[in-house]
Amino acid sequence: MARTASGTHAPFMEERRQIILQLLEKRRSVAVGELAQRFGVSAATIRSDIRALEAEGLLERTHGGAIARTAAHPVEMTIDARSDVRSGQKAQIARKAAETVRDDDFLLVDSGTTCRALVEALSGRRGLTILTNDIRIAGLAEVTLADVSVIVVGGTLRRGFNATQGSDAVEMLRRFMAPRLFTSSDNVTVEHGMSTYTPEQAAIKRAMLEQSRERVLLADSSKFGVDAPVQVAGICDVDTIVTDDDVADDVRDAIEGLAGGPRLVIA
């Protein structure tokens, strides 16, 4: 094992990343150069650690270092960065939600990795119609589902997220009334509901909610308890929330205790 500048042994990758998170809990920010010297590794190695921890939603990269991810400062990740984060929980949620889908259903499917997992879980269904603003979900549905009809919502493609947005996308959505929506949210709190990072994203998600009769939110447990900057809708604006069994007891109790609130389903 390599030695640090002080002569002590340099920790292995997992231990090193855990120490980085512990430092952020105490100090809220760390610098690449300082960490490289502390651990006796290269700056490139530290940057790789920071990228990996950011992909898990545990911190946010900054120029020259990283800052802690807190409720006051949530972090938005691109779709590629999200793909491997809590993938097992997302698959469980998707399978549970897919149990409610029957052949020949019409579904409005929001963008996001959990919604993509839902489409994967629909393998074997026939005659579905899927309306979506996510081009990856559209392509996945075309190649994996039997005799599916896919309608892609046009608009401006948001770079790094594979989804359309903007006034054209919202206008096209207004032409439909979907029997059921499967939607996602960057963050969720009982007090402020669903939230996201840009007004454009919020607008298209609101349009989806408005143009659907039944609204199902797919959200893994890590999404709860944090507010992103832009509110989408209240938590009572969805009919059902499907999440995983890691959801905190206080969150579960708060949702189940809401008068007229959504039905909570644990995958």
C-alpha atoms as a PDB file:
ATOM      1  CA  MET A   1       0.000   0.000   0.000  1.00  0.00           C
ATOM      2  CA  ALA A   2       1.259   3.517  -0.787  1.00  0.00           C
ATOM      3  CA  ARG A   3       2.325   5.908   1.971  1.00  0.00           C
ATOM      4  CA  THR A   4       1.150   9.465   2.527  1.00  0.00           C
ATOM      5  CA  ALA A   5       3.464  12.425   2.927  1.00  0.00           C
ATOM      6  CA  SER A   6       3.401  11.876   6.710  1.00  0.00           C
ATOM      7  CA  GLY A   7       4.566   8.271   6.295  1.00  0.00           C
ATOM      8  CA  THR A   8       1.263   6.626   7.143  1.00  0.00           C
ATOM      9  CA  HIS A   9      -0.365   4.132   4.806  1.00  0.00           C
ATOM     10  CA  ALA A  10      -2.682   5.595   2.151  1.00  0.00           C
ATOM     11  CA  PRO A  11      -6.223   4.196   2.462  1.00  0.00           C
ATOM     12  CA  PHE A  12      -7.796   2.102  -0.251  1.00  0.00           C
ATOM     13  CA  MET A  13     -10.465   3.555  -2.529  1.00  0.00           C
ATOM     14  CA  GLU A  14     -13.584   2.785  -0.462  1.00  0.00           C
ATOM     15  CA  GLU A  15     -11.972   3.956   2.768  1.00  0.00           C
ATOM     16  CA  ARG A  16     -10.658   7.089   1.047  1.00  0.00           C
ATOM     17  CA  ARG A  17     -14.105   7.987  -0.273  1.00  0.00           C
ATOM     18  CA  GLN A  18     -15.666   7.426   3.136  1.00  0.00           C
ATOM     19  CA  ILE A  19     -13.127   9.800   4.692  1.00  0.00           C
ATOM     20  CA  ILE A  20     -13.959  12.412   2.032  1.00  0.00           C
ATOM     21  CA  LEU A  21     -17.622  12.226   3.020  1.00  0.00           C
ATOM     22  CA  GLN A  22     -16.712  12.466   6.704  1.00  0.00           C
ATOM     23  CA  LEU A  23     -14.668  15.584   6.009  1.00  0.00           C
ATOM     24  CA  LEU A  24     -17.596  17.122   4.149  1.00  0.00           C
ATOM     25  CA  GLU A  25     -19.873  16.491   7.117  1.00  0.00           C
ATOM     26  CA  LYS A  26     -17.539  18.555   9.265  1.00  0.00           C
ATOM     27  CA  ARG A  27     -16.378  21.249   6.856  1.00  0.00           C
ATOM     28  CA  ARG A  28     -18.916  21.359   3.967  1.00  0.00           C
ATOM     29  CA  SER A  29     -16.129  21.722   1.368  1.00  0.00           C
ATOM     30  CA  VAL A  30     -12.871  20.002   0.372  1.00  0.00           C
ATOM     31  CA  ALA A  31     -10.131  20.774  -2.160  1.00  0.00           C
ATOM     32  CA  VAL A  32      -8.555  18.320  -4.616  1.00  0.00           C
ATOM     33  CA  GLY A  33      -4.984  19.380  -3.825  1.00  0.00           C
ATOM     34  CA  GLU A  34      -5.471  19.054  -0.095  1.00  0.00           C
ATOM     35  CA  LEU A  35      -7.019  15.594  -0.443  1.00  0.00           C
ATOM     36  CA  ALA A  36      -4.304  14.380  -2.805  1.00  0.00           C
ATOM     37  CA  GLN A  37      -1.651  15.395  -0.284  1.00  0.00           C
ATOM     38  CA  ARG A  38      -3.571  13.927   2.634  1.00  0.00           C
ATOM     39  CA  PHE A  39      -4.012  10.516   0.978  1.00  0.00           C
ATOM     40  CA  GLY A  40      -0.722  10.391  -0.919  1.00  0.00           C
ATOM     41  CA  VAL A  41      -2.428   9.916  -4.286  1.00  0.00           C
ATOM     42  CA  SER A  42      -2.642  11.910  -7.498  1.00  0.00           C
ATOM     43  CA  ALA A  43      -5.079  14.757  -8.125  1.00  0.00           C
ATOM     44  CA  ALA A  44      -6.562  12.644 -10.947  1.00  0.00           C
ATOM     45  CA  THR A  45      -7.375   9.895  -8.426  1.00  0.00           C
ATOM     46  CA  ILE A  46      -9.131  12.372  -6.126  1.00  0.00           C
ATOM     47  CA  ARG A  47     -11.102  13.810  -9.028  1.00  0.00           C
ATOM     48  CA  SER A  48     -12.193  10.262  -9.914  1.00  0.00           C
ATOM     49  CA  ASP A  49     -13.320   9.747  -6.308  1.00  0.00           C
ATOM     50  CA  ILE A  50     -15.303  12.980  -6.388  1.00  0.00           C
ATOM     51  CA  ARG A  51     -16.969  12.084  -9.704  1.00  0.00           C
ATOM     52  CA  ALA A  52     -17.985   8.684  -8.337  1.00  0.00           C
ATOM     53  CA  LEU A  53     -19.416  10.184  -5.146  1.00  0.00           C
ATOM     54  CA  GLU A  54     -21.289  12.804  -7.150  1.00  0.00           C
ATOM     55  CA  ALA A  55     -22.839  10.074  -9.304  1.00  0.00           C
ATOM     56  CA  GLU A  56     -24.238   8.578  -6.097  1.00  0.00           C
ATOM     57  CA  GLY A  57     -25.720  11.951  -5.162  1.00  0.00           C
ATOM     58  CA  LEU A  58     -23.463  12.276  -2.107  1.00  0.00           C
ATOM     59  CA  LEU A  59     -21.692  15.535  -2.961  1.00  0.00           C
ATOM     60  CA  GLU A  60     -21.404  18.196  -5.643  1.00  0.00           C
ATOM     61  CA  ARG A  61     -18.260  18.847  -7.639  1.00  0.00           C
ATOM     62  CA  THR A  62     -16.915  22.381  -7.696  1.00  0.00           C
ATOM     63  CA  HIS A  63     -13.953  23.981  -9.451  1.00  0.00           C
ATOM     64  CA  GLY A  64     -11.025  22.498  -7.560  1.00  0.00           C
ATOM     65  CA  GLY A  65     -12.953  20.342  -5.131  1.00  0.00           C
ATOM     66  CA  ALA A  66     -16.403  19.447  -3.817  1.00  0.00           C
ATOM     67  CA  ILE A  67     -19.124  20.627  -1.464  1.00  0.00           C
ATOM     68  CA  ALA A  68     -21.568  18.659   0.632  1.00  0.00           C
ATOM     69  CA  ARG A  69     -25.007  17.765  -0.656  1.00  0.00           C
ATOM     70  CA  THR A  70     -27.522  19.106   1.845  1.00  0.00           C
ATOM     71  CA  ALA A  71     -31.243  19.830   1.955  1.00  0.00           C
ATOM     72  CA  ALA A  72     -30.357  23.470   1.386  1.00  0.00           C
ATOM     73  CA  HIS A  73     -28.155  22.624  -1.591  1.00  0.00           C
ATOM     74  CA  PRO A  74     -29.438  19.606  -3.557  1.00  0.00           C
ATOM     75  CA  VAL A  75     -27.502  18.349  -6.553  1.00  0.00           C
ATOM     76  CA  GLU A  76     -28.868  17.651 -10.036  1.00  0.00           C
ATOM     77  CA  MET A  77     -27.256  14.781 -11.924  1.00  0.00           C
ATOM     78  CA  THR A  78     -27.459  14.021 -15.631  1.00  0.00           C
ATOM     79  CA  ILE A  79     -29.310  10.909 -16.757  1.00  0.00           C
ATOM     80  CA  ASP A  80     -26.052   9.032 -17.402  1.00  0.00           C
ATOM     81  CA  ALA A  81     -24.818   9.860 -13.894  1.00  0.00           C
ATOM     82  CA  ARG A  82     -28.100   8.657 -12.390  1.00  0.00           C
ATOM     83  CA  SER A  83     -28.204   5.364 -14.277  1.00  0.00           C
ATOM     84  CA  ASP A  84     -26.225   3.317 -11.767  1.00  0.00           C
ATOM     85  CA  VAL A  85     -27.470   5.095  -8.632  1.00  0.00           C
ATOM     86  CA  ARG A  86     -29.873   2.916  -6.588  1.00  0.00           C
ATOM     87  CA  SER A  87     -30.559   0.839  -9.685  1.00  0.00           C
ATOM     88  CA  GLY A  88     -31.764  -2.130  -7.618  1.00  0.00           C
ATOM     89  CA  GLN A  89     -34.362  -0.046  -5.811  1.00  0.00           C
ATOM     90  CA  LYS A  90     -35.499   1.525  -9.082  1.00  0.00           C
ATOM     91  CA  ALA A  91     -35.975  -1.914 -10.610  1.00  0.00           C
ATOM     92  CA  GLN A  92     -38.089  -3.009  -7.613  1.00  0.00           C
ATOM     93  CA  ILE A  93     -40.243   0.111  -7.903  1.00  0.00           C
ATOM     94  CA  ALA A  94     -40.630  -0.436 -11.639  1.00  0.00           C
ATOM     95  CA  ARG A  95     -41.715  -4.062 -11.252  1.00  0.00           C
ATOM     96  CA  LYS A  96     -44.275  -3.112  -8.617  1.00  0.00           C
ATOM     97  CA  ALA A  97     -45.712  -0.336 -10.781  1.00  0.00           C
ATOM     98  CA  ALA A  98     -45.738  -2.584 -13.862  1.00  0.00           C
ATOM     99  CA  GLU A  99     -48.085  -5.006 -12.072  1.00  0.00           C
ATOM    100  CA  THR A 100     -50.896  -2.485 -12.605  1.00  0.00           C
ATOM    101  CA  VAL A 101     -50.412  -2.228 -16.381  1.00  0.00           C
ATOM    102  CA  ARG A 102     -52.533  -4.367 -18.689  1.00  0.00           C
ATOM    103  CA  ASP A 103     -52.392  -5.124 -22.406  1.00  0.00           C
ATOM    104  CA  ASP A 104     -53.723  -2.294 -24.606  1.00  0.00           C
ATOM    105  CA  ASP A 105     -53.279   0.397 -21.918  1.00  0.00           C
ATOM    106  CA  PHE A 106     -52.473   4.005 -22.848  1.00  0.00           C
ATOM    107  CA  LEU A 107     -49.657   5.349 -20.673  1.00  0.00           C
ATOM    108  CA  LEU A 108     -48.054   8.773 -20.367  1.00  0.00           C
ATOM    109  CA  VAL A 109     -44.481   8.155 -19.204  1.00  0.00           C
ATOM    110  CA  ASP A 110     -42.269  10.918 -17.847  1.00  0.00           C
ATOM    111  CA  SER A 111     -38.513  11.065 -18.374  1.00  0.00           C
ATOM    112  CA  GLY A 112     -35.999   9.610 -15.920  1.00  0.00           C
ATOM    113  CA  THR A 113     -34.190   6.434 -14.972  1.00  0.00           C
ATOM    114  CA  THR A 114     -36.986   4.965 -12.825  1.00  0.00           C
ATOM    115  CA  CYS A 115     -39.520   5.555 -15.591  1.00  0.00           C
ATOM    116  CA  ARG A 116     -37.112   3.878 -17.998  1.00  0.00           C
ATOM    117  CA  ALA A 117     -36.924   0.898 -15.628  1.00  0.00           C
ATOM    118  CA  LEU A 118     -40.735   0.782 -15.714  1.00  0.00           C
ATOM    119  CA  VAL A 119     -40.733   0.377 -19.498  1.00  0.00           C
ATOM    120  CA  GLU A 120     -38.170  -2.423 -19.173  1.00  0.00           C
ATOM    121  CA  ALA A 121     -40.477  -4.104 -16.648  1.00  0.00           C
ATOM    122  CA  LEU A 122     -43.367  -4.021 -19.120  1.00  0.00           C
ATOM    123  CA  SER A 123     -41.777  -6.676 -21.313  1.00  0.00           C
ATOM    124  CA  GLY A 124     -44.462  -9.126 -22.396  1.00  0.00           C
ATOM    125  CA  ARG A 125     -47.300  -6.598 -22.474  1.00  0.00           C
ATOM    126  CA  ARG A 126     -48.975  -6.229 -25.841  1.00  0.00           C
ATOM    127  CA  GLY A 127     -50.783  -3.423 -27.598  1.00  0.00           C
ATOM    128  CA  LEU A 128     -49.600  -0.619 -25.334  1.00  0.00           C
ATOM    129  CA  THR A 129     -49.611   3.020 -26.390  1.00  0.00           C
ATOM    130  CA  ILE A 130     -46.843   5.038 -24.743  1.00  0.00           C
ATOM    131  CA  LEU A 131     -46.704   8.814 -24.891  1.00  0.00           C
ATOM    132  CA  THR A 132     -43.372  10.159 -23.638  1.00  0.00           C
ATOM    133  CA  ASN A 133     -41.011  13.119 -23.862  1.00  0.00           C
ATOM    134  CA  ASP A 134     -37.974  10.891 -23.228  1.00  0.00           C
ATOM    135  CA  ILE A 135     -36.245   9.776 -26.423  1.00  0.00           C
ATOM    136  CA  ARG A 136     -34.426   6.886 -24.722  1.00  0.00           C
ATOM    137  CA  ILE A 137     -37.684   5.579 -23.300  1.00  0.00           C
ATOM    138  CA  ALA A 138     -39.282   5.887 -26.739  1.00  0.00           C
ATOM    139  CA  GLY A 139     -36.481   3.852 -28.333  1.00  0.00           C
ATOM    140  CA  LEU A 140     -36.522   1.279 -25.548  1.00  0.00           C
ATOM    141  CA  ALA A 141     -40.280   0.802 -25.877  1.00  0.00           C
ATOM    142  CA  GLU A 142     -40.003   0.339 -29.632  1.00  0.00           C
ATOM    143  CA  VAL A 143     -37.458  -2.460 -29.395  1.00  0.00           C
ATOM    144  CA  THR A 144     -38.635  -4.294 -26.274  1.00  0.00           C
ATOM    145  CA  LEU A 145     -42.451  -4.154 -26.312  1.00  0.00           C
ATOM    146  CA  ALA A 146     -44.673  -6.138 -28.663  1.00  0.00           C
ATOM    147  CA  ASP A 147     -46.742  -4.162 -31.193  1.00  0.00           C
ATOM    148  CA  VAL A 148     -46.364  -0.989 -29.118  1.00  0.00           C
ATOM    149  CA  SER A 149     -47.419   2.404 -30.413  1.00  0.00           C
ATOM    150  CA  VAL A 150     -45.003   5.139 -29.323  1.00  0.00           C
ATOM    151  CA  ILE A 151     -45.857   8.838 -29.448  1.00  0.00           C
ATOM    152  CA  VAL A 152     -42.907  11.163 -28.838  1.00  0.00           C
ATOM    153  CA  VAL A 153     -43.594  14.614 -27.441  1.00  0.00           C
ATOM    154  CA  GLY A 154     -41.782  17.144 -29.614  1.00  0.00           C
ATOM    155  CA  GLY A 155     -39.937  20.184 -28.319  1.00  0.00           C
ATOM    156  CA  THR A 156     -36.465  21.327 -27.375  1.00  0.00           C
ATOM    157  CA  LEU A 157     -34.134  18.516 -26.352  1.00  0.00           C
ATOM    158  CA  ARG A 158     -32.484  19.153 -23.001  1.00  0.00           C
ATOM    159  CA  ARG A 159     -28.821  18.259 -23.342  1.00  0.00           C
ATOM    160  CA  GLY A 160     -27.685  15.546 -20.948  1.00  0.00           C
ATOM    161  CA  PHE A 161     -31.222  14.453 -20.079  1.00  0.00           C
ATOM    162  CA  ASN A 162     -32.620  12.891 -23.308  1.00  0.00           C
ATOM    163  CA  ALA A 163     -35.961  14.625 -22.806  1.00  0.00           C
ATOM    164  CA  THR A 164     -37.890  17.343 -24.601  1.00  0.00           C
ATOM    165  CA  GLN A 165     -39.223  20.468 -22.934  1.00  0.00           C
ATOM    166  CA  GLY A 166     -40.368  23.986 -23.793  1.00  0.00           C
ATOM    167  CA  SER A 167     -43.603  25.562 -25.005  1.00  0.00           C
ATOM    168  CA  ASP A 168     -43.922  23.270 -28.040  1.00  0.00           C
ATOM    169  CA  ALA A 169     -43.715  20.195 -25.809  1.00  0.00           C
ATOM    170  CA  VAL A 170     -46.306  21.571 -23.402  1.00  0.00           C
ATOM    171  CA  GLU A 171     -48.619  22.521 -26.287  1.00  0.00           C
ATOM    172  CA  MET A 172     -48.431  19.005 -27.737  1.00  0.00           C
ATOM    173  CA  LEU A 173     -49.209  17.451 -24.363  1.00  0.00           C
ATOM    174  CA  ARG A 174     -52.360  19.566 -24.172  1.00  0.00           C
ATOM    175  CA  ARG A 175     -53.779  17.556 -27.101  1.00  0.00           C
ATOM    176  CA  PHE A 176     -53.962  14.387 -24.990  1.00  0.00           C
ATOM    177  CA  MET A 177     -55.795  13.177 -21.901  1.00  0.00           C
ATOM    178  CA  ALA A 178     -53.946  10.124 -20.649  1.00  0.00           C
ATOM    179  CA  PRO A 179     -55.747   7.524 -18.535  1.00  0.00           C
ATOM    180  CA  ARG A 180     -52.591   7.083 -16.451  1.00  0.00           C
ATOM    181  CA  LEU A 181     -49.317   8.933 -15.898  1.00  0.00           C
ATOM    182  CA  PHE A 182     -46.126   7.454 -14.507  1.00  0.00           C
ATOM    183  CA  THR A 183     -44.048  10.432 -13.445  1.00  0.00           C
ATOM    184  CA  SER A 184     -40.791  11.088 -11.604  1.00  0.00           C
ATOM    185  CA  SER A 185     -39.434  13.847  -9.420  1.00  0.00           C
ATOM    186  CA  ASP A 186     -35.928  15.035  -8.629  1.00  0.00           C
ATOM    187  CA  ASN A 187     -36.899  15.587  -4.996  1.00  0.00           C
ATOM    188  CA  VAL A 188     -39.981  15.194  -2.804  1.00  0.00           C
ATOM    189  CA  THR A 189     -41.042  16.547   0.580  1.00  0.00           C
ATOM    190  CA  VAL A 190     -44.374  16.201   2.316  1.00  0.00           C
ATOM    191  CA  GLU A 191     -44.449  19.951   2.974  1.00  0.00           C
ATOM    192  CA  HIS A 192     -43.621  21.217  -0.529  1.00  0.00           C
ATOM    193  CA  GLY A 193     -44.351  18.247  -2.762  1.00  0.00           C
ATOM    194  CA  MET A 194     -42.469  17.465  -5.955  1.00  0.00           C
ATOM    195  CA  SER A 195     -39.627  19.721  -7.079  1.00  0.00           C
ATOM    196  CA  THR A 196     -37.072  19.997  -9.856  1.00  0.00           C
ATOM    197  CA  TYR A 197     -34.219  22.225 -11.005  1.00  0.00           C
ATOM    198  CA  THR A 198     -35.495  24.378 -13.866  1.00  0.00           C
ATOM    199  CA  PRO A 199     -38.754  26.179 -14.678  1.00  0.00           C
ATOM    200  CA  GLU A 200     -38.868  24.377 -18.046  1.00  0.00           C
ATOM    201  CA  GLN A 201     -38.761  20.967 -16.377  1.00  0.00           C
ATOM    202  CA  ALA A 202     -41.397  22.028 -13.882  1.00  0.00           C
ATOM    203  CA  ALA A 203     -43.681  23.261 -16.676  1.00  0.00           C
ATOM    204  CA  ILE A 204     -43.691  20.008 -18.631  1.00  0.00           C
ATOM    205  CA  LYS A 205     -44.185  17.923 -15.501  1.00  0.00           C
ATOM    206  CA  ARG A 206     -47.143  20.105 -14.483  1.00  0.00           C
ATOM    207  CA  ALA A 207     -48.649  19.675 -17.949  1.00  0.00           C
ATOM    208  CA  MET A 208     -48.331  15.893 -17.624  1.00  0.00           C
ATOM    209  CA  LEU A 209     -50.102  15.951 -14.270  1.00  0.00           C
ATOM    210  CA  GLU A 210     -52.881  18.143 -15.652  1.00  0.00           C
ATOM    211  CA  GLN A 211     -53.403  15.950 -18.727  1.00  0.00           C
ATOM    212  CA  SER A 212     -53.766  12.677 -16.798  1.00  0.00           C
ATOM    213  CA  ARG A 213     -56.654  11.082 -14.950  1.00  0.00           C
ATOM    214  CA  GLU A 214     -54.559   8.849 -12.683  1.00  0.00           C
ATOM    215  CA  ARG A 215     -51.131  10.018 -11.538  1.00  0.00           C
ATOM    216  CA  VAL A 216     -48.477   7.634 -10.220  1.00  0.00           C
ATOM    217  CA  LEU A 217     -45.183   8.970  -8.831  1.00  0.00           C
ATOM    218  CA  LEU A 218     -42.193   6.617  -8.994  1.00  0.00           C
ATOM    219  CA  ALA A 219     -39.557   7.799  -6.509  1.00  0.00           C
ATOM    220  CA  ASP A 220     -36.835   5.865  -4.737  1.00  0.00           C
ATOM    221  CA  SER A 221     -36.330   6.624  -1.048  1.00  0.00           C
ATOM    222  CA  SER A 222     -33.302   8.880  -1.616  1.00  0.00           C
ATOM    223  CA  LYS A 223     -35.568  11.447  -3.301  1.00  0.00           C
ATOM    224  CA  PHE A 224     -37.486  12.212  -0.102  1.00  0.00           C
ATOM    225  CA  GLY A 225     -36.684  14.947   2.398  1.00  0.00           C
ATOM    226  CA  VAL A 226     -34.958  17.398   0.038  1.00  0.00           C
ATOM    227  CA  ASP A 227     -36.393  20.330  -1.909  1.00  0.00           C
ATOM    228  CA  ALA A 228     -34.998  21.232  -5.340  1.00  0.00           C
ATOM    229  CA  PRO A 229     -35.266  24.933  -6.326  1.00  0.00           C
ATOM    230  CA  VAL A 230     -38.449  24.806  -8.440  1.00  0.00           C
ATOM    231  CA  GLN A 231     -41.712  23.371  -7.149  1.00  0.00           C
ATOM    232  CA  VAL A 232     -43.712  21.198  -9.548  1.00  0.00           C
ATOM    233  CA  ALA A 233     -46.840  20.252  -7.575  1.00  0.00           C
ATOM    234  CA  GLY A 234     -48.057  19.313  -4.143  1.00  0.00           C
ATOM    235  CA  ILE A 235     -47.737  15.765  -2.891  1.00  0.00           C
ATOM    236  CA  CYS A 236     -51.542  15.440  -2.924  1.00  0.00           C
ATOM    237  CA  ASP A 237     -51.536  16.154  -6.678  1.00  0.00           C
ATOM    238  CA  VAL A 238     -50.585  12.514  -7.288  1.00  0.00           C
ATOM    239  CA  ASP A 239     -52.828   9.544  -6.555  1.00  0.00           C
ATOM    240  CA  THR A 240     -50.171   6.938  -5.786  1.00  0.00           C
ATOM    241  CA  ILE A 241     -46.509   6.988  -4.751  1.00  0.00           C
ATOM    242  CA  VAL A 242     -44.419   3.864  -5.346  1.00  0.00           C
ATOM    243  CA  THR A 243     -41.119   3.783  -3.456  1.00  0.00           C
ATOM    244  CA  ASP A 244     -38.723   1.258  -1.913  1.00  0.00           C
ATOM    245  CA  ASP A 245     -38.612  -0.068   1.639  1.00  0.00           C
ATOM    246  CA  ASP A 246     -35.674   2.152   2.618  1.00  0.00           C
ATOM    247  CA  VAL A 247     -38.006   5.133   2.890  1.00  0.00           C
ATOM    248  CA  ALA A 248     -37.723   6.707   6.345  1.00  0.00           C
ATOM    249  CA  ASP A 249     -40.434   5.862   8.873  1.00  0.00           C
ATOM    250  CA  ASP A 250     -41.233   9.535   9.491  1.00  0.00           C
ATOM    251  CA  VAL A 251     -41.735  10.127   5.764  1.00  0.00           C
ATOM    252  CA  ARG A 252     -43.933   7.037   5.491  1.00  0.00           C
ATOM    253  CA  ASP A 253     -46.027   8.092   8.484  1.00  0.00           C
ATOM    254  CA  ALA A 254     -46.406  11.654   7.203  1.00  0.00           C
ATOM    255  CA  ILE A 255     -47.628  10.543   3.767  1.00  0.00           C
ATOM    256  CA  GLU A 256     -50.009   7.939   5.166  1.00  0.00           C
ATOM    257  CA  GLY A 257     -51.346  10.513   7.620  1.00  0.00           C
ATOM    258  CA  LEU A 258     -52.309  13.060   4.964  1.00  0.00           C
ATOM    259  CA  ALA A 259     -56.053  13.582   4.650  1.00  0.00           C
ATOM    260  CA  GLY A 260     -56.892  12.949   1.012  1.00  0.00           C
ATOM    261  CA  GLY A 261     -53.256  12.210   0.329  1.00  0.00           C
ATOM    262  CA  PRO A 262     -51.763   9.699  -2.108  1.00  0.00           C
ATOM    263  CA  ARG A 263     -51.742   5.957  -1.565  1.00  0.00           C
ATOM    264  CA  LEU A 264     -48.230   4.838  -0.582  1.00  0.00           C
ATOM    265  CA  VAL A 265     -47.016   1.568  -2.129  1.00  0.00           C
ATOM    266  CA  ILE A 266     -43.764  -0.002  -0.900  1.00  0.00           C
ATOM    267  CA  ALA A 267     -41.988  -2.139  -3.484  1.00  0.00           C
END
